[in-house]
Amino acid sequence: IDAAPGIDLLQVGHRGVNLVRVGDAWAFRTAGDLAFLMSRDTVQQRKLSRAALDVLAIIAYHQPVTRAEIEDIRGVETSKGTLDTLMETEWIRMRG
C-alpha cells in the first residue's frame, strides 16, 4: 500500500489539524492559526488564609527558615496544609 498520496493530502494546509513529521514518525497537530482555541487562559484565584499569609511573610523576611523556626516566631503550630498550599501555588519551595 502506498500511503504517500494520502499523506500528501493530509499535509495540505487550511485544515484545523495538520499532519506533521516528528523525527521518524508522523503526528497530528493543531493548526498554528487555531492554537489560541486550545490554550487555557483561566487563572484560578485562591485566597490565602491568615495563617498562610503569616507563614509567607515570615519566610520572606527570615529566609531560609525551618518549619520549627516559623512555629517559634508565630507561637503556634503550622499545619502541613498551610505549607502544602504555599508549595502548590509555587510561592515557596522546600530545600534540603
N, C-alpha and C. Protein backbone atom coordinates (compact mmCIF):
# COMPACT_ATOMS: atom_id res chain seq x y z
N ILE A 1 0.86 -1.18 0.00
CA ILE A 1 0.00 0.00 0.00
C ILE A 1 0.90 1.23 0.00
N ASP A 2 0.61 2.14 -0.91
CA ASP A 2 1.38 3.38 -1.00
C ASP A 2 0.62 4.46 -0.25
N ALA A 3 1.15 4.89 0.88
CA ALA A 3 0.48 5.88 1.72
C ALA A 3 0.85 7.31 1.34
N ALA A 4 1.82 7.49 0.46
CA ALA A 4 2.31 8.83 0.12
C ALA A 4 1.21 9.76 -0.37
N PRO A 5 0.32 9.34 -1.28
CA PRO A 5 -0.74 10.26 -1.73
C PRO A 5 -1.66 10.70 -0.58
N GLY A 6 -1.96 9.77 0.31
CA GLY A 6 -2.81 10.12 1.46
C GLY A 6 -2.12 11.08 2.40
N ILE A 7 -0.83 10.86 2.62
CA ILE A 7 -0.06 11.74 3.49
C ILE A 7 0.03 13.13 2.86
N ASP A 8 0.26 13.20 1.55
CA ASP A 8 0.30 14.50 0.87
C ASP A 8 -1.02 15.24 1.03
N LEU A 9 -2.12 14.51 0.91
CA LEU A 9 -3.44 15.12 1.05
C LEU A 9 -3.64 15.67 2.46
N LEU A 10 -3.19 14.93 3.48
CA LEU A 10 -3.36 15.36 4.86
C LEU A 10 -2.43 16.52 5.23
N GLN A 11 -1.33 16.69 4.50
CA GLN A 11 -0.40 17.76 4.79
C GLN A 11 -0.83 19.10 4.20
N VAL A 12 -1.82 19.09 3.35
CA VAL A 12 -2.29 20.33 2.74
C VAL A 12 -2.81 21.24 3.84
N GLY A 13 -2.47 22.52 3.77
CA GLY A 13 -2.87 23.47 4.80
C GLY A 13 -4.37 23.73 4.80
N HIS A 14 -4.78 24.74 5.49
CA HIS A 14 -6.17 25.18 5.58
C HIS A 14 -7.06 24.15 6.26
N ARG A 15 -6.50 23.44 7.21
CA ARG A 15 -7.26 22.48 8.00
C ARG A 15 -7.04 22.80 9.47
N GLY A 16 -7.94 22.38 10.30
CA GLY A 16 -7.80 22.60 11.73
C GLY A 16 -6.72 21.75 12.37
N VAL A 17 -6.50 20.58 11.78
CA VAL A 17 -5.48 19.66 12.28
C VAL A 17 -4.58 19.31 11.11
N ASN A 18 -3.29 19.40 11.32
CA ASN A 18 -2.33 19.11 10.26
C ASN A 18 -1.49 17.89 10.62
N LEU A 19 -1.06 17.18 9.60
CA LEU A 19 -0.16 16.05 9.78
C LEU A 19 1.26 16.57 9.61
N VAL A 20 2.08 16.38 10.63
CA VAL A 20 3.47 16.87 10.58
C VAL A 20 4.42 15.73 10.89
N ARG A 21 5.61 15.85 10.35
CA ARG A 21 6.65 14.84 10.59
C ARG A 21 7.39 15.22 11.86
N VAL A 22 7.48 14.27 12.79
CA VAL A 22 8.19 14.47 14.05
C VAL A 22 9.24 13.37 14.13
N GLY A 23 10.47 13.72 13.80
CA GLY A 23 11.54 12.72 13.76
C GLY A 23 11.26 11.71 12.66
N ASP A 24 11.18 10.45 13.03
CA ASP A 24 10.90 9.39 12.06
C ASP A 24 9.42 9.03 12.03
N ALA A 25 8.60 9.76 12.75
CA ALA A 25 7.17 9.42 12.85
C ALA A 25 6.32 10.59 12.34
N TRP A 26 5.03 10.36 12.35
CA TRP A 26 4.06 11.38 11.96
C TRP A 26 3.14 11.66 13.13
N ALA A 27 2.67 12.90 13.23
CA ALA A 27 1.76 13.27 14.33
C ALA A 27 0.78 14.32 13.84
N PHE A 28 -0.42 14.29 14.40
CA PHE A 28 -1.40 15.32 14.11
C PHE A 28 -1.20 16.46 15.09
N ARG A 29 -1.19 17.69 14.59
CA ARG A 29 -1.01 18.88 15.42
C ARG A 29 -2.08 19.91 15.05
N THR A 30 -2.51 20.67 16.03
CA THR A 30 -3.46 21.75 15.79
C THR A 30 -2.80 22.79 14.90
N ALA A 31 -3.56 23.30 13.95
CA ALA A 31 -3.04 24.34 13.05
C ALA A 31 -2.62 25.55 13.87
N GLY A 32 -1.52 26.17 13.48
CA GLY A 32 -0.98 27.30 14.22
C GLY A 32 -1.96 28.45 14.39
N ASP A 33 -2.77 28.71 13.36
CA ASP A 33 -3.71 29.83 13.45
C ASP A 33 -4.90 29.52 14.37
N LEU A 34 -5.04 28.29 14.80
CA LEU A 34 -6.13 27.91 15.70
C LEU A 34 -5.63 27.54 17.10
N ALA A 35 -4.34 27.63 17.32
CA ALA A 35 -3.76 27.23 18.60
C ALA A 35 -4.36 28.00 19.78
N PHE A 36 -4.75 29.25 19.54
CA PHE A 36 -5.32 30.05 20.63
C PHE A 36 -6.59 29.43 21.19
N LEU A 37 -7.29 28.65 20.39
CA LEU A 37 -8.51 27.99 20.86
C LEU A 37 -8.20 26.85 21.84
N MET A 38 -7.00 26.31 21.77
CA MET A 38 -6.61 25.20 22.62
C MET A 38 -6.01 25.64 23.94
N SER A 39 -5.63 26.90 24.04
CA SER A 39 -4.98 27.36 25.27
C SER A 39 -6.02 27.57 26.36
N ARG A 40 -5.58 27.38 27.57
CA ARG A 40 -6.46 27.57 28.72
C ARG A 40 -6.03 28.84 29.44
N ASP A 41 -6.82 29.87 29.26
CA ASP A 41 -6.48 31.16 29.83
C ASP A 41 -7.09 31.39 31.21
N THR A 42 -7.75 30.40 31.73
CA THR A 42 -8.37 30.58 33.03
C THR A 42 -7.32 30.55 34.12
N VAL A 43 -7.36 31.54 34.95
CA VAL A 43 -6.46 31.62 36.09
C VAL A 43 -7.29 31.40 37.33
N GLN A 44 -6.94 30.38 38.06
CA GLN A 44 -7.68 30.08 39.27
C GLN A 44 -7.15 30.94 40.41
N GLN A 45 -8.04 31.73 40.97
CA GLN A 45 -7.65 32.58 42.08
C GLN A 45 -7.99 31.89 43.39
N ARG A 46 -7.04 31.92 44.29
CA ARG A 46 -7.25 31.33 45.61
C ARG A 46 -6.90 32.37 46.64
N LYS A 47 -7.77 32.50 47.61
CA LYS A 47 -7.47 33.39 48.72
C LYS A 47 -6.66 32.62 49.74
N LEU A 48 -5.58 33.24 50.19
CA LEU A 48 -4.76 32.60 51.21
C LEU A 48 -5.35 32.88 52.58
N SER A 49 -5.27 31.90 53.44
CA SER A 49 -5.75 32.06 54.81
C SER A 49 -4.83 33.01 55.55
N ARG A 50 -5.30 33.48 56.68
CA ARG A 50 -4.48 34.36 57.52
C ARG A 50 -3.18 33.65 57.93
N ALA A 51 -3.29 32.37 58.26
CA ALA A 51 -2.11 31.60 58.65
C ALA A 51 -1.12 31.51 57.49
N ALA A 52 -1.62 31.28 56.27
CA ALA A 52 -0.74 31.18 55.11
C ALA A 52 -0.04 32.51 54.84
N LEU A 53 -0.76 33.61 55.00
CA LEU A 53 -0.14 34.93 54.83
C LEU A 53 0.93 35.18 55.88
N ASP A 54 0.65 34.78 57.13
CA ASP A 54 1.65 34.92 58.20
C ASP A 54 2.91 34.12 57.88
N VAL A 55 2.72 32.87 57.48
CA VAL A 55 3.85 32.00 57.16
C VAL A 55 4.64 32.56 55.98
N LEU A 56 3.94 33.03 54.97
CA LEU A 56 4.60 33.60 53.80
C LEU A 56 5.42 34.83 54.17
N ALA A 57 4.89 35.67 55.02
CA ALA A 57 5.61 36.87 55.46
C ALA A 57 6.86 36.49 56.26
N ILE A 58 6.73 35.50 57.12
CA ILE A 58 7.88 35.05 57.92
C ILE A 58 8.97 34.48 57.02
N ILE A 59 8.57 33.67 56.05
CA ILE A 59 9.54 33.09 55.13
C ILE A 59 10.23 34.18 54.31
N ALA A 60 9.46 35.14 53.84
CA ALA A 60 10.04 36.22 53.04
C ALA A 60 11.05 37.03 53.85
N TYR A 61 10.77 37.25 55.11
CA TYR A 61 11.65 38.07 55.94
C TYR A 61 12.85 37.31 56.47
N HIS A 62 12.65 36.06 56.87
CA HIS A 62 13.70 35.29 57.55
C HIS A 62 14.36 34.21 56.69
N GLN A 63 14.06 34.14 55.41
CA GLN A 63 14.55 33.02 54.61
C GLN A 63 16.06 32.90 54.61
N PRO A 64 16.59 31.70 54.54
CA PRO A 64 15.88 30.42 54.65
C PRO A 64 15.48 30.15 56.10
N VAL A 65 14.35 29.49 56.27
CA VAL A 65 13.81 29.27 57.61
C VAL A 65 13.20 27.87 57.67
N THR A 66 13.30 27.24 58.83
CA THR A 66 12.73 25.90 59.01
C THR A 66 11.30 26.02 59.53
N ARG A 67 10.59 24.93 59.44
CA ARG A 67 9.22 24.90 59.96
C ARG A 67 9.21 25.19 61.46
N ALA A 68 10.18 24.63 62.19
CA ALA A 68 10.26 24.86 63.63
C ALA A 68 10.48 26.35 63.93
N GLU A 69 11.30 27.01 63.13
CA GLU A 69 11.53 28.44 63.33
C GLU A 69 10.27 29.25 63.04
N ILE A 70 9.53 28.84 62.02
CA ILE A 70 8.26 29.52 61.71
C ILE A 70 7.31 29.39 62.89
N GLU A 71 7.19 28.18 63.43
CA GLU A 71 6.30 27.94 64.56
C GLU A 71 6.75 28.72 65.79
N ASP A 72 8.05 28.83 65.99
CA ASP A 72 8.58 29.59 67.13
C ASP A 72 8.24 31.08 66.99
N ILE A 73 8.37 31.61 65.80
CA ILE A 73 8.06 33.03 65.56
C ILE A 73 6.56 33.29 65.71
N ARG A 74 5.73 32.41 65.15
CA ARG A 74 4.28 32.59 65.22
C ARG A 74 3.72 32.27 66.60
N GLY A 75 4.36 31.36 67.30
CA GLY A 75 3.87 30.96 68.61
C GLY A 75 2.78 29.91 68.56
N VAL A 76 2.50 29.40 67.38
CA VAL A 76 1.51 28.34 67.20
C VAL A 76 2.05 27.33 66.19
N GLU A 77 1.44 26.15 66.19
CA GLU A 77 1.85 25.11 65.26
C GLU A 77 1.37 25.45 63.85
N THR A 78 2.21 25.22 62.87
CA THR A 78 1.85 25.48 61.47
C THR A 78 1.40 24.16 60.85
N SER A 79 0.20 24.16 60.30
CA SER A 79 -0.33 22.92 59.72
C SER A 79 0.38 22.58 58.42
N LYS A 80 0.41 21.29 58.13
CA LYS A 80 1.02 20.83 56.88
C LYS A 80 0.24 21.38 55.69
N GLY A 81 -1.07 21.54 55.85
CA GLY A 81 -1.91 22.06 54.78
C GLY A 81 -1.53 23.47 54.37
N THR A 82 -1.14 24.28 55.34
CA THR A 82 -0.74 25.65 55.04
C THR A 82 0.51 25.65 54.17
N LEU A 83 1.49 24.85 54.55
CA LEU A 83 2.72 24.78 53.76
C LEU A 83 2.46 24.14 52.40
N ASP A 84 1.59 23.12 52.35
CA ASP A 84 1.26 22.48 51.08
C ASP A 84 0.61 23.48 50.12
N THR A 85 -0.29 24.31 50.64
CA THR A 85 -0.94 25.32 49.81
C THR A 85 0.07 26.28 49.21
N LEU A 86 1.01 26.73 50.01
CA LEU A 86 2.03 27.65 49.53
C LEU A 86 2.96 26.99 48.51
N MET A 87 3.23 25.69 48.69
CA MET A 87 4.07 24.98 47.72
C MET A 87 3.32 24.72 46.42
N GLU A 88 2.02 24.41 46.50
CA GLU A 88 1.22 24.17 45.30
C GLU A 88 1.12 25.41 44.43
N THR A 89 1.03 26.56 45.07
CA THR A 89 0.95 27.82 44.33
C THR A 89 2.32 28.32 43.91
N GLU A 90 3.35 27.56 44.28
CA GLU A 90 4.74 27.87 43.94
C GLU A 90 5.22 29.20 44.53
N TRP A 91 4.66 29.56 45.68
CA TRP A 91 5.13 30.75 46.40
C TRP A 91 6.37 30.41 47.21
N ILE A 92 6.46 29.14 47.63
CA ILE A 92 7.63 28.69 48.39
C ILE A 92 8.07 27.35 47.84
N ARG A 93 9.28 26.96 48.16
CA ARG A 93 9.74 25.61 47.82
C ARG A 93 10.60 25.08 48.95
N MET A 94 10.55 23.77 49.11
CA MET A 94 11.29 23.12 50.18
C MET A 94 12.73 22.95 49.75
N ARG A 95 13.63 23.15 50.68
CA ARG A 95 15.05 22.95 50.40
C ARG A 95 15.62 22.03 51.45
N GLY A 96 16.46 21.12 51.01
CA GLY A 96 17.18 20.25 51.93
C GLY A 96 16.40 19.17 52.58
